[in-house]
Protein backbone atom coordinates (compact mmCIF):
# COMPACT_ATOMS: atom_id res chain seq x y z
CA MET A 1 -115.01 -39.13 -86.00
CA HIS A 2 -117.18 -36.89 -83.83
CA GLU A 3 -117.24 -39.55 -81.10
CA MET A 4 -113.83 -38.35 -79.91
CA ALA A 5 -115.17 -34.81 -79.50
CA LEU A 6 -118.17 -36.25 -77.63
CA CYS A 7 -115.80 -38.11 -75.29
CA GLU A 8 -113.80 -34.94 -74.65
CA SER A 9 -117.04 -33.16 -73.70
CA LEU A 10 -118.06 -36.09 -71.50
CA ILE A 11 -114.76 -35.98 -69.60
CA ALA A 12 -115.08 -32.20 -69.18
CA ILE A 13 -118.57 -32.64 -67.69
CA ILE A 14 -117.34 -35.40 -65.37
CA GLU A 15 -114.42 -33.28 -64.16
CA GLU A 16 -116.74 -30.31 -63.61
CA GLN A 17 -119.07 -32.51 -61.55
CA ALA A 18 -116.11 -33.87 -59.58
CA ALA A 19 -114.99 -30.35 -58.72
CA SER A 20 -118.43 -29.40 -57.44
CA GLY A 21 -119.29 -32.79 -55.91
CA GLY A 22 -115.95 -33.54 -54.26
CA PHE A 23 -115.33 -37.00 -55.67
CA ARG A 24 -111.91 -38.24 -56.78
CA GLN A 25 -112.57 -41.32 -58.88
CA VAL A 26 -115.25 -42.48 -61.31
CA HIS A 27 -115.91 -46.22 -61.45
CA SER A 28 -118.73 -46.29 -64.00
CA ILE A 29 -120.83 -43.98 -66.15
CA SER A 30 -124.23 -44.87 -67.59
CA LEU A 31 -124.73 -42.83 -70.75
CA GLU A 32 -128.06 -42.76 -72.57
CA VAL A 33 -127.60 -42.34 -76.32
CA GLY A 34 -130.58 -41.22 -78.37
CA ALA A 35 -131.46 -43.47 -81.30
CA LEU A 36 -131.14 -40.53 -83.69
CA ALA A 37 -127.86 -39.20 -82.25
CA GLY A 38 -125.79 -40.72 -85.05
CA VAL A 39 -123.25 -42.17 -82.63
CA GLU A 40 -121.32 -45.36 -83.31
CA THR A 41 -121.24 -47.25 -80.01
CA GLU A 42 -117.90 -48.98 -80.63
CA ALA A 43 -116.25 -45.70 -81.63
CA LEU A 44 -117.66 -44.05 -78.52
CA LEU A 45 -116.30 -46.82 -76.28
CA PHE A 46 -112.90 -46.68 -77.98
CA GLY A 47 -112.80 -42.88 -77.74
CA PHE A 48 -113.73 -42.94 -74.07
CA ARG A 49 -110.92 -45.39 -73.23
CA ALA A 50 -108.43 -43.17 -75.07
CA ILE A 51 -109.63 -39.76 -73.82
CA SER A 52 -110.13 -40.85 -70.20
CA GLN A 53 -106.48 -41.87 -69.71
CA GLY A 54 -104.90 -39.72 -67.02
CA THR A 55 -108.27 -38.39 -65.79
CA ILE A 56 -110.50 -39.28 -62.84
CA ALA A 57 -112.48 -41.46 -65.25
CA GLN A 58 -109.47 -43.60 -66.19
CA ASP A 59 -110.45 -47.28 -65.95
CA ALA A 60 -114.13 -46.36 -65.53
CA GLU A 61 -116.68 -48.56 -67.25
CA LEU A 62 -118.78 -46.72 -69.81
CA LYS A 63 -122.25 -48.28 -70.00
CA ILE A 64 -124.22 -47.36 -73.10
CA LEU A 65 -128.00 -47.22 -72.67
CA ALA A 66 -129.59 -47.13 -76.13
CA ALA A 67 -132.76 -45.06 -76.38
CA THR A 68 -135.37 -45.84 -79.02
CA ALA A 69 -137.14 -43.80 -81.68
CA GLN A 70 -140.44 -44.12 -83.53
CA ALA A 71 -140.59 -44.69 -87.28
CA HIS A 72 -143.84 -43.80 -89.06
CA CYS A 73 -144.50 -44.45 -92.75
CA LEU A 74 -146.01 -41.47 -94.52
CA LEU A 75 -147.65 -43.71 -97.15
CA CYS A 76 -149.12 -46.76 -95.40
CA GLY A 77 -149.15 -45.71 -91.75
CA PHE A 78 -146.78 -48.48 -90.60
CA GLU A 79 -145.23 -47.70 -87.20
CA GLU A 80 -142.30 -49.31 -85.45
CA THR A 81 -139.98 -48.66 -82.53
CA VAL A 82 -136.36 -48.64 -83.71
CA SER A 83 -132.96 -48.31 -82.09
CA ARG A 84 -131.28 -46.67 -85.09
CA PRO A 85 -132.34 -44.44 -87.99
CA VAL A 86 -134.24 -46.21 -90.79
CA SER A 87 -135.18 -44.52 -94.06
CA LEU A 88 -137.49 -46.97 -95.88
CA CYS A 89 -140.68 -48.63 -94.69
CA PRO A 90 -140.32 -52.41 -94.45
CA ALA A 91 -144.03 -52.81 -95.33
CA CYS A 92 -144.35 -50.70 -98.49
CA GLY A 93 -140.92 -49.18 -99.26
CA GLY A 94 -142.15 -45.63 -98.63
CA GLY A 95 -140.31 -42.95 -96.75
CA LEU A 96 -140.28 -43.04 -92.98
CA HIS A 97 -140.65 -40.10 -90.63
CA MET A 98 -138.45 -40.58 -87.56
CA THR A 99 -139.19 -39.09 -84.14
CA GLY A 100 -136.94 -39.54 -81.17
CA ASP A 101 -134.05 -38.18 -79.22
CA ARG A 102 -130.68 -37.05 -80.59
CA ALA A 103 -129.23 -36.29 -77.15
CA LEU A 104 -126.63 -37.98 -75.00
CA ARG A 105 -127.30 -37.89 -71.25
CA ILE A 106 -125.35 -39.04 -68.24
CA LYS A 107 -127.95 -41.05 -66.37
CA GLU A 108 -125.78 -42.29 -63.51
CA MET A 109 -122.21 -42.26 -62.23
CA GLU A 110 -120.62 -44.49 -59.63
CA VAL A 111 -118.00 -42.39 -57.88
CA GLU A 112 -115.68 -42.43 -54.88
């Protein structure tokens, strides 16, 4: 489950920002997750609760902001905005080309 490793990296970034920004407690984090990132939201939330224990982000609310991607059919030209990877065109059954973001970004933190 790579979500646990993602949560460890997230906590490391938060602690680095706390050291440079002088805050002691994180109340909430808004995290944008790219539609093509391959992240399971529930696993990410579970991992964050587990990994954040004993850190400045303990008890912080993790808000997931889902980014979208574009799906384009190579056969019929069908296009659709999607929130997760899709492989087959709903119009003709052809293969879809996906374009979008795979990144995770901290968009906002409420700190004290």
